[in-house]
Amino acid sequence: MTETSAKEPAKDTDELILTNSLITREELDEFKVIALKEYGIKLTDSQAFEQATALLNLFDALVKKRLESTRGRVNINTNRLPDVATKL
């Protein structure tokens, strides 16, 4: 969590539109509970949305990097059909 988040007064008057977003209302609320419980910071919806989205994007980048690394070692040929399928 950022220092500015801790210093700013939390306002729950933010109206976020979560349609087609990476995070649901329930997940956003859970993120806010975790931030309060673990760090003592009460986040607004906007702050929680920004930080939760950044965290999800970080995980996404890490997973993609890991998959690229694994694919390079495994040498998977995804363009080739299995022998069984070609005999049908």
PDB file of N, CA and C in Angstrom:
ATOM      1  N   MET A   1       0.840  -1.175   0.000  1.00  0.00           N
ATOM      2  CA  MET A   1       0.000   0.000   0.000  1.00  0.00           C
ATOM      3  C   MET A   1       0.887   1.240   0.000  1.00  0.00           C
ATOM      4  N   THR A   2       0.435   2.273  -0.610  1.00  0.00           N
ATOM      5  CA  THR A   2       1.232   3.491  -0.685  1.00  0.00           C
ATOM      6  C   THR A   2       1.049   4.331   0.558  1.00  0.00           C
ATOM      7  N   GLU A   3       2.035   5.190   0.821  1.00  0.00           N
ATOM      8  CA  GLU A   3       1.941   6.072   1.969  1.00  0.00           C
ATOM      9  C   GLU A   3       0.793   7.056   1.824  1.00  0.00           C
ATOM     10  N   THR A   4       0.543   7.493   0.607  1.00  0.00           N
ATOM     11  CA  THR A   4      -0.533   8.461   0.405  1.00  0.00           C
ATOM     12  C   THR A   4      -1.891   7.850   0.737  1.00  0.00           C
ATOM     13  N   SER A   5      -2.011   6.552   0.533  1.00  0.00           N
ATOM     14  CA  SER A   5      -3.273   5.890   0.863  1.00  0.00           C
ATOM     15  C   SER A   5      -3.547   5.964   2.356  1.00  0.00           C
ATOM     16  N   ALA A   6      -2.511   5.852   3.144  1.00  0.00           N
ATOM     17  CA  ALA A   6      -2.686   5.880   4.584  1.00  0.00           C
ATOM     18  C   ALA A   6      -3.012   7.286   5.085  1.00  0.00           C
ATOM     19  N   LYS A   7      -2.541   8.302   4.395  1.00  0.00           N
ATOM     20  CA  LYS A   7      -2.724   9.674   4.843  1.00  0.00           C
ATOM     21  C   LYS A   7      -4.034  10.285   4.381  1.00  0.00           C
ATOM     22  N   GLU A   8      -4.546   9.827   3.254  1.00  0.00           N
ATOM     23  CA  GLU A   8      -5.771  10.411   2.721  1.00  0.00           C
ATOM     24  C   GLU A   8      -6.982   9.902   3.483  1.00  0.00           C
ATOM     25  N   PRO A   9      -7.931  10.772   3.774  1.00  0.00           N
ATOM     26  CA  PRO A   9      -9.146  10.291   4.424  1.00  0.00           C
ATOM     27  C   PRO A   9      -9.942   9.412   3.475  1.00  0.00           C
ATOM     28  N   ALA A  10     -10.441   8.332   3.998  1.00  0.00           N
ATOM     29  CA  ALA A  10     -11.201   7.398   3.161  1.00  0.00           C
ATOM     30  C   ALA A  10     -12.623   7.894   2.992  1.00  0.00           C
ATOM     31  N   LYS A  11     -13.062   7.964   1.753  1.00  0.00           N
ATOM     32  CA  LYS A  11     -14.432   8.346   1.439  1.00  0.00           C
ATOM     33  C   LYS A  11     -15.054   7.207   0.651  1.00  0.00           C
ATOM     34  N   ASP A  12     -16.188   6.725   1.065  1.00  0.00           N
ATOM     35  CA  ASP A  12     -16.856   5.665   0.327  1.00  0.00           C
ATOM     36  C   ASP A  12     -17.941   6.228  -0.585  1.00  0.00           C
ATOM     37  N   THR A  13     -17.772   7.491  -0.983  1.00  0.00           N
ATOM     38  CA  THR A  13     -18.741   8.098  -1.888  1.00  0.00           C
ATOM     39  C   THR A  13     -18.378   7.843  -3.346  1.00  0.00           C
ATOM     40  N   ASP A  14     -17.250   7.156  -3.555  1.00  0.00           N
ATOM     41  CA  ASP A  14     -16.824   6.841  -4.923  1.00  0.00           C
ATOM     42  C   ASP A  14     -17.832   5.905  -5.567  1.00  0.00           C
ATOM     43  N   GLU A  15     -18.186   6.210  -6.792  1.00  0.00           N
ATOM     44  CA  GLU A  15     -19.071   5.340  -7.557  1.00  0.00           C
ATOM     45  C   GLU A  15     -18.267   4.739  -8.697  1.00  0.00           C
ATOM     46  N   LEU A  16     -17.873   3.499  -8.534  1.00  0.00           N
ATOM     47  CA  LEU A  16     -17.114   2.818  -9.576  1.00  0.00           C
ATOM     48  C   LEU A  16     -18.043   1.979 -10.433  1.00  0.00           C
ATOM     49  N   ILE A  17     -17.755   1.949 -11.707  1.00  0.00           N
ATOM     50  CA  ILE A  17     -18.468   1.053 -12.608  1.00  0.00           C
ATOM     51  C   ILE A  17     -17.550  -0.124 -12.853  1.00  0.00           C
ATOM     52  N   LEU A  18     -17.910  -1.282 -12.316  1.00  0.00           N
ATOM     53  CA  LEU A  18     -17.048  -2.457 -12.372  1.00  0.00           C
ATOM     54  C   LEU A  18     -17.398  -3.397 -13.518  1.00  0.00           C
ATOM     55  N   THR A  19     -18.287  -2.980 -14.403  1.00  0.00           N
ATOM     56  CA  THR A  19     -18.651  -3.801 -15.544  1.00  0.00           C
ATOM     57  C   THR A  19     -17.428  -3.993 -16.429  1.00  0.00           C
ATOM     58  N   ASN A  20     -17.186  -5.224 -16.841  1.00  0.00           N
ATOM     59  CA  ASN A  20     -16.058  -5.576 -17.707  1.00  0.00           C
ATOM     60  C   ASN A  20     -14.702  -5.234 -17.086  1.00  0.00           C
ATOM     61  N   SER A  21     -14.595  -5.249 -15.780  1.00  0.00           N
ATOM     62  CA  SER A  21     -13.311  -4.981 -15.149  1.00  0.00           C
ATOM     63  C   SER A  21     -12.670  -6.291 -14.706  1.00  0.00           C
ATOM     64  N   LEU A  22     -11.438  -6.198 -14.269  1.00  0.00           N
ATOM     65  CA  LEU A  22     -10.709  -7.374 -13.806  1.00  0.00           C
ATOM     66  C   LEU A  22     -11.184  -7.852 -12.441  1.00  0.00           C
ATOM     67  N   ILE A  23     -11.954  -7.040 -11.753  1.00  0.00           N
ATOM     68  CA  ILE A  23     -12.312  -7.336 -10.374  1.00  0.00           C
ATOM     69  C   ILE A  23     -13.808  -7.121 -10.159  1.00  0.00           C
ATOM     70  N   THR A  24     -14.406  -7.991  -9.377  1.00  0.00           N
ATOM     71  CA  THR A  24     -15.835  -7.861  -9.073  1.00  0.00           C
ATOM     72  C   THR A  24     -16.022  -7.011  -7.820  1.00  0.00           C
ATOM     73  N   ARG A  25     -17.237  -6.611  -7.567  1.00  0.00           N
ATOM     74  CA  ARG A  25     -17.556  -5.837  -6.359  1.00  0.00           C
ATOM     75  C   ARG A  25     -17.180  -6.629  -5.109  1.00  0.00           C
ATOM     76  N   GLU A  26     -17.485  -7.916  -5.091  1.00  0.00           N
ATOM     77  CA  GLU A  26     -17.188  -8.758  -3.928  1.00  0.00           C
ATOM     78  C   GLU A  26     -15.678  -8.837  -3.695  1.00  0.00           C
ATOM     79  N   GLU A  27     -14.917  -8.992  -4.775  1.00  0.00           N
ATOM     80  CA  GLU A  27     -13.456  -9.064  -4.653  1.00  0.00           C
ATOM     81  C   GLU A  27     -12.883  -7.730  -4.193  1.00  0.00           C
ATOM     82  N   LEU A  28     -13.447  -6.634  -4.684  1.00  0.00           N
ATOM     83  CA  LEU A  28     -13.000  -5.311  -4.272  1.00  0.00           C
ATOM     84  C   LEU A  28     -13.247  -5.109  -2.780  1.00  0.00           C
ATOM     85  N   ASP A  29     -14.429  -5.493  -2.319  1.00  0.00           N
ATOM     86  CA  ASP A  29     -14.741  -5.369  -0.900  1.00  0.00           C
ATOM     87  C   ASP A  29     -13.821  -6.237  -0.047  1.00  0.00           C
ATOM     88  N   GLU A  30     -13.525  -7.441  -0.520  1.00  0.00           N
ATOM     89  CA  GLU A  30     -12.615  -8.327   0.209  1.00  0.00           C
ATOM     90  C   GLU A  30     -11.207  -7.733   0.255  1.00  0.00           C
ATOM     91  N   PHE A  31     -10.764  -7.132  -0.840  1.00  0.00           N
ATOM     92  CA  PHE A  31      -9.457  -6.472  -0.885  1.00  0.00           C
ATOM     93  C   PHE A  31      -9.393  -5.353   0.153  1.00  0.00           C
ATOM     94  N   LYS A  32     -10.471  -4.582   0.260  1.00  0.00           N
ATOM     95  CA  LYS A  32     -10.528  -3.491   1.242  1.00  0.00           C
ATOM     96  C   LYS A  32     -10.450  -4.021   2.669  1.00  0.00           C
ATOM     97  N   VAL A  33     -11.117  -5.152   2.926  1.00  0.00           N
ATOM     98  CA  VAL A  33     -11.081  -5.768   4.259  1.00  0.00           C
ATOM     99  C   VAL A  33      -9.662  -6.226   4.587  1.00  0.00           C
ATOM    100  N   ILE A  34      -9.002  -6.843   3.616  1.00  0.00           N
ATOM    101  CA  ILE A  34      -7.626  -7.313   3.820  1.00  0.00           C
ATOM    102  C   ILE A  34      -6.690  -6.142   4.082  1.00  0.00           C
ATOM    103  N   ALA A  35      -6.828  -5.063   3.326  1.00  0.00           N
ATOM    104  CA  ALA A  35      -5.981  -3.880   3.523  1.00  0.00           C
ATOM    105  C   ALA A  35      -6.168  -3.307   4.920  1.00  0.00           C
ATOM    106  N   LEU A  36      -7.399  -3.279   5.379  1.00  0.00           N
ATOM    107  CA  LEU A  36      -7.677  -2.765   6.719  1.00  0.00           C
ATOM    108  C   LEU A  36      -7.116  -3.688   7.794  1.00  0.00           C
ATOM    109  N   LYS A  37      -7.343  -4.985   7.633  1.00  0.00           N
ATOM    110  CA  LYS A  37      -6.909  -5.965   8.626  1.00  0.00           C
ATOM    111  C   LYS A  37      -5.378  -6.074   8.688  1.00  0.00           C
ATOM    112  N   GLU A  38      -4.735  -6.165   7.530  1.00  0.00           N
ATOM    113  CA  GLU A  38      -3.293  -6.404   7.484  1.00  0.00           C
ATOM    114  C   GLU A  38      -2.452  -5.139   7.645  1.00  0.00           C
ATOM    115  N   TYR A  39      -2.953  -4.000   7.145  1.00  0.00           N
ATOM    116  CA  TYR A  39      -2.149  -2.784   7.123  1.00  0.00           C
ATOM    117  C   TYR A  39      -2.760  -1.614   7.886  1.00  0.00           C
ATOM    118  N   GLY A  40      -3.979  -1.788   8.379  1.00  0.00           N
ATOM    119  CA  GLY A  40      -4.627  -0.714   9.115  1.00  0.00           C
ATOM    120  C   GLY A  40      -5.011   0.469   8.247  1.00  0.00           C
ATOM    121  N   ILE A  41      -5.216   0.218   6.939  1.00  0.00           N
ATOM    122  CA  ILE A  41      -5.532   1.287   5.991  1.00  0.00           C
ATOM    123  C   ILE A  41      -6.942   1.081   5.465  1.00  0.00           C
ATOM    124  N   LYS A  42      -7.766   2.110   5.612  1.00  0.00           N
ATOM    125  CA  LYS A  42      -9.111   2.061   5.050  1.00  0.00           C
ATOM    126  C   LYS A  42      -9.075   2.717   3.679  1.00  0.00           C
ATOM    127  N   LEU A  43      -9.229   1.902   2.646  1.00  0.00           N
ATOM    128  CA  LEU A  43      -9.153   2.389   1.271  1.00  0.00           C
ATOM    129  C   LEU A  43     -10.526   2.778   0.747  1.00  0.00           C
ATOM    130  N   THR A  44     -10.545   3.785  -0.101  1.00  0.00           N
ATOM    131  CA  THR A  44     -11.770   4.113  -0.819  1.00  0.00           C
ATOM    132  C   THR A  44     -11.925   3.079  -1.934  1.00  0.00           C
ATOM    133  N   ASP A  45     -13.079   3.058  -2.554  1.00  0.00           N
ATOM    134  CA  ASP A  45     -13.283   2.148  -3.688  1.00  0.00           C
ATOM    135  C   ASP A  45     -12.255   2.417  -4.785  1.00  0.00           C
ATOM    136  N   SER A  46     -12.014   3.679  -5.086  1.00  0.00           N
ATOM    137  CA  SER A  46     -11.066   4.034  -6.148  1.00  0.00           C
ATOM    138  C   SER A  46      -9.650   3.579  -5.817  1.00  0.00           C
ATOM    139  N   GLN A  47      -9.230   3.804  -4.581  1.00  0.00           N
ATOM    140  CA  GLN A  47      -7.899   3.378  -4.166  1.00  0.00           C
ATOM    141  C   GLN A  47      -7.774   1.856  -4.215  1.00  0.00           C
ATOM    142  N   ALA A  48      -8.782   1.173  -3.698  1.00  0.00           N
ATOM    143  CA  ALA A  48      -8.755  -0.288  -3.691  1.00  0.00           C
ATOM    144  C   ALA A  48      -8.756  -0.828  -5.116  1.00  0.00           C
ATOM    145  N   PHE A  49      -9.565  -0.233  -5.986  1.00  0.00           N
ATOM    146  CA  PHE A  49      -9.634  -0.674  -7.370  1.00  0.00           C
ATOM    147  C   PHE A  49      -8.280  -0.499  -8.057  1.00  0.00           C
ATOM    148  N   GLU A  50      -7.663   0.648  -7.858  1.00  0.00           N
ATOM    149  CA  GLU A  50      -6.364   0.923  -8.482  1.00  0.00           C
ATOM    150  C   GLU A  50      -5.302  -0.062  -7.988  1.00  0.00           C
ATOM    151  N   GLN A  51      -5.246  -0.283  -6.687  1.00  0.00           N
ATOM    152  CA  GLN A  51      -4.222  -1.157  -6.135  1.00  0.00           C
ATOM    153  C   GLN A  51      -4.483  -2.632  -6.452  1.00  0.00           C
ATOM    154  N   ALA A  52      -5.734  -3.052  -6.396  1.00  0.00           N
ATOM    155  CA  ALA A  52      -6.065  -4.445  -6.721  1.00  0.00           C
ATOM    156  C   ALA A  52      -5.795  -4.735  -8.195  1.00  0.00           C
ATOM    157  N   THR A  53      -6.126  -3.800  -9.066  1.00  0.00           N
ATOM    158  CA  THR A  53      -5.877  -3.972 -10.493  1.00  0.00           C
ATOM    159  C   THR A  53      -4.377  -4.038 -10.765  1.00  0.00           C
ATOM    160  N   ALA A  54      -3.606  -3.190 -10.105  1.00  0.00           N
ATOM    161  CA  ALA A  54      -2.150  -3.213 -10.273  1.00  0.00           C
ATOM    162  C   ALA A  54      -1.576  -4.553  -9.809  1.00  0.00           C
ATOM    163  N   LEU A  55      -2.100  -5.076  -8.711  1.00  0.00           N
ATOM    164  CA  LEU A  55      -1.645  -6.370  -8.200  1.00  0.00           C
ATOM    165  C   LEU A  55      -1.987  -7.487  -9.183  1.00  0.00           C
ATOM    166  N   LEU A  56      -3.188  -7.474  -9.724  1.00  0.00           N
ATOM    167  CA  LEU A  56      -3.584  -8.481 -10.721  1.00  0.00           C
ATOM    168  C   LEU A  56      -2.719  -8.387 -11.971  1.00  0.00           C
ATOM    169  N   ASN A  57      -2.413  -7.177 -12.420  1.00  0.00           N
ATOM    170  CA  ASN A  57      -1.554  -7.002 -13.591  1.00  0.00           C
ATOM    171  C   ASN A  57      -0.141  -7.516 -13.329  1.00  0.00           C
ATOM    172  N   LEU A  58       0.354  -7.319 -12.109  1.00  0.00           N
ATOM    173  CA  LEU A  58       1.669  -7.840 -11.742  1.00  0.00           C
ATOM    174  C   LEU A  58       1.672  -9.362 -11.806  1.00  0.00           C
ATOM    175  N   PHE A  59       0.672  -9.996 -11.199  1.00  0.00           N
ATOM    176  CA  PHE A  59       0.581 -11.456 -11.238  1.00  0.00           C
ATOM    177  C   PHE A  59       0.473 -11.958 -12.677  1.00  0.00           C
ATOM    178  N   ASP A  60      -0.301 -11.264 -13.495  1.00  0.00           N
ATOM    179  CA  ASP A  60      -0.456 -11.648 -14.889  1.00  0.00           C
ATOM    180  C   ASP A  60       0.894 -11.620 -15.604  1.00  0.00           C
ATOM    181  N   ALA A  61       1.669 -10.568 -15.386  1.00  0.00           N
ATOM    182  CA  ALA A  61       2.983 -10.448 -16.025  1.00  0.00           C
ATOM    183  C   ALA A  61       3.924 -11.551 -15.541  1.00  0.00           C
ATOM    184  N   LEU A  62       3.885 -11.854 -14.248  1.00  0.00           N
ATOM    185  CA  LEU A  62       4.738 -12.909 -13.702  1.00  0.00           C
ATOM    186  C   LEU A  62       4.369 -14.274 -14.260  1.00  0.00           C
ATOM    187  N   VAL A  63       3.085 -14.556 -14.366  1.00  0.00           N
ATOM    188  CA  VAL A  63       2.633 -15.842 -14.901  1.00  0.00           C
ATOM    189  C   VAL A  63       3.023 -15.970 -16.370  1.00  0.00           C
ATOM    190  N   LYS A  64       2.828 -14.910 -17.152  1.00  0.00           N
ATOM    191  CA  LYS A  64       3.207 -14.949 -18.566  1.00  0.00           C
ATOM    192  C   LYS A  64       4.697 -15.191 -18.723  1.00  0.00           C
ATOM    193  N   LYS A  65       5.498 -14.516 -17.918  1.00  0.00           N
ATOM    194  CA  LYS A  65       6.951 -14.689 -17.967  1.00  0.00           C
ATOM    195  C   LYS A  65       7.321 -16.131 -17.627  1.00  0.00           C
ATOM    196  N   ARG A  66       6.673 -16.677 -16.621  1.00  0.00           N
ATOM    197  CA  ARG A  66       6.950 -18.057 -16.207  1.00  0.00           C
ATOM    198  C   ARG A  66       6.546 -19.050 -17.296  1.00  0.00           C
ATOM    199  N   LEU A  67       5.401 -18.828 -17.926  1.00  0.00           N
ATOM    200  CA  LEU A  67       4.954 -19.718 -18.995  1.00  0.00           C
ATOM    201  C   LEU A  67       5.905 -19.668 -20.189  1.00  0.00           C
ATOM    202  N   GLU A  68       6.367 -18.481 -20.536  1.00  0.00           N
ATOM    203  CA  GLU A  68       7.315 -18.350 -21.640  1.00  0.00           C
ATOM    204  C   GLU A  68       8.599 -19.101 -21.333  1.00  0.00           C
ATOM    205  N   SER A  69       9.061 -18.992 -20.112  1.00  0.00           N
ATOM    206  CA  SER A  69      10.271 -19.683 -19.692  1.00  0.00           C
ATOM    207  C   SER A  69      10.084 -21.194 -19.749  1.00  0.00           C
ATOM    208  N   THR A  70       8.943 -21.668 -19.283  1.00  0.00           N
ATOM    209  CA  THR A  70       8.652 -23.100 -19.270  1.00  0.00           C
ATOM    210  C   THR A  70       8.511 -23.640 -20.683  1.00  0.00           C
ATOM    211  N   ARG A  71       7.829 -22.928 -21.545  1.00  0.00           N
ATOM    212  CA  ARG A  71       7.650 -23.371 -22.936  1.00  0.00           C
ATOM    213  C   ARG A  71       8.989 -23.515 -23.638  1.00  0.00           C
ATOM    214  N   GLY A  72       9.905 -22.621 -23.339  1.00  0.00           N
ATOM    215  CA  GLY A  72      11.220 -22.683 -23.958  1.00  0.00           C
ATOM    216  C   GLY A  72      11.992 -23.933 -23.546  1.00  0.00           C
ATOM    217  N   ARG A  73      11.785 -24.407 -22.334  1.00  0.00           N
ATOM    218  CA  ARG A  73      12.491 -25.594 -21.850  1.00  0.00           C
ATOM    219  C   ARG A  73      11.819 -26.883 -22.273  1.00  0.00           C
ATOM    220  N   VAL A  74      10.491 -26.883 -22.372  1.00  0.00           N
ATOM    221  CA  VAL A  74       9.749 -28.100 -22.659  1.00  0.00           C
ATOM    222  C   VAL A  74       9.764 -28.429 -24.144  1.00  0.00           C
ATOM    223  N   ASN A  75       9.853 -27.423 -25.003  1.00  0.00           N
ATOM    224  CA  ASN A  75       9.862 -27.608 -26.453  1.00  0.00           C
ATOM    225  C   ASN A  75       8.576 -28.274 -26.931  1.00  0.00           C
ATOM    226  N   ILE A  76       7.468 -27.629 -26.667  1.00  0.00           N
ATOM    227  CA  ILE A  76       6.155 -28.136 -27.063  1.00  0.00           C
ATOM    228  C   ILE A  76       5.865 -27.688 -28.489  1.00  0.00           C
ATOM    229  N   ASN A  77       5.481 -28.639 -29.348  1.00  0.00           N
ATOM    230  CA  ASN A  77       5.086 -28.305 -30.717  1.00  0.00           C
ATOM    231  C   ASN A  77       3.567 -28.351 -30.762  1.00  0.00           C
ATOM    232  N   THR A  78       2.922 -27.201 -30.715  1.00  0.00           N
ATOM    233  CA  THR A  78       1.464 -27.147 -30.662  1.00  0.00           C
ATOM    234  C   THR A  78       0.833 -27.196 -32.039  1.00  0.00           C
ATOM    235  N   ASN A  79       1.628 -27.126 -33.094  1.00  0.00           N
ATOM    236  CA  ASN A  79       1.083 -27.140 -34.451  1.00  0.00           C
ATOM    237  C   ASN A  79       0.883 -28.562 -34.988  1.00  0.00           C
ATOM    238  N   ARG A  80       1.447 -29.540 -34.352  1.00  0.00           N
ATOM    239  CA  ARG A  80       1.389 -30.911 -34.835  1.00  0.00           C
ATOM    240  C   ARG A  80       0.208 -31.643 -34.219  1.00  0.00           C
ATOM    241  N   LEU A  81      -0.577 -32.321 -35.039  1.00  0.00           N
ATOM    242  CA  LEU A  81      -1.695 -33.108 -34.548  1.00  0.00           C
ATOM    243  C   LEU A  81      -1.182 -34.436 -34.017  1.00  0.00           C
ATOM    244  N   PRO A  82      -1.832 -34.991 -33.015  1.00  0.00           N
ATOM    245  CA  PRO A  82      -1.424 -36.301 -32.519  1.00  0.00           C
ATOM    246  C   PRO A  82      -1.568 -37.358 -33.615  1.00  0.00           C
ATOM    247  N   ASP A  83      -0.738 -38.386 -33.597  1.00  0.00           N
ATOM    248  CA  ASP A  83      -0.763 -39.458 -34.603  1.00  0.00           C
ATOM    249  C   ASP A  83      -2.113 -40.140 -34.694  1.00  0.00           C
ATOM    250  N   VAL A  84      -2.805 -40.271 -33.578  1.00  0.00           N
ATOM    251  CA  VAL A  84      -4.101 -40.927 -33.555  1.00  0.00           C
ATOM    252  C   VAL A  84      -5.110 -40.165 -34.421  1.00  0.00           C
ATOM    253  N   ALA A  85      -5.090 -38.855 -34.343  1.00  0.00           N
ATOM    254  CA  ALA A  85      -6.041 -38.039 -35.087  1.00  0.00           C
ATOM    255  C   ALA A  85      -5.794 -38.120 -36.597  1.00  0.00           C
ATOM    256  N   THR A  86      -4.562 -38.279 -37.005  1.00  0.00           N
ATOM    257  CA  THR A  86      -4.260 -38.318 -38.436  1.00  0.00           C
ATOM    258  C   THR A  86      -4.644 -39.657 -39.058  1.00  0.00           C
ATOM    259  N   LYS A  87      -4.803 -40.720 -38.250  1.00  0.00           N
ATOM    260  CA  LYS A  87      -5.149 -42.046 -38.767  1.00  0.00           C
ATOM    261  C   LYS A  87      -6.654 -42.222 -38.933  1.00  0.00           C
ATOM    262  N   LEU A  88      -7.443 -41.309 -38.409  1.00  0.00           N
ATOM    263  CA  LEU A  88      -8.909 -41.452 -38.498  1.00  0.00           C
ATOM    264  C   LEU A  88      -9.440 -41.115 -39.845  1.00  0.00           C
TER     265      LEU A  88
END
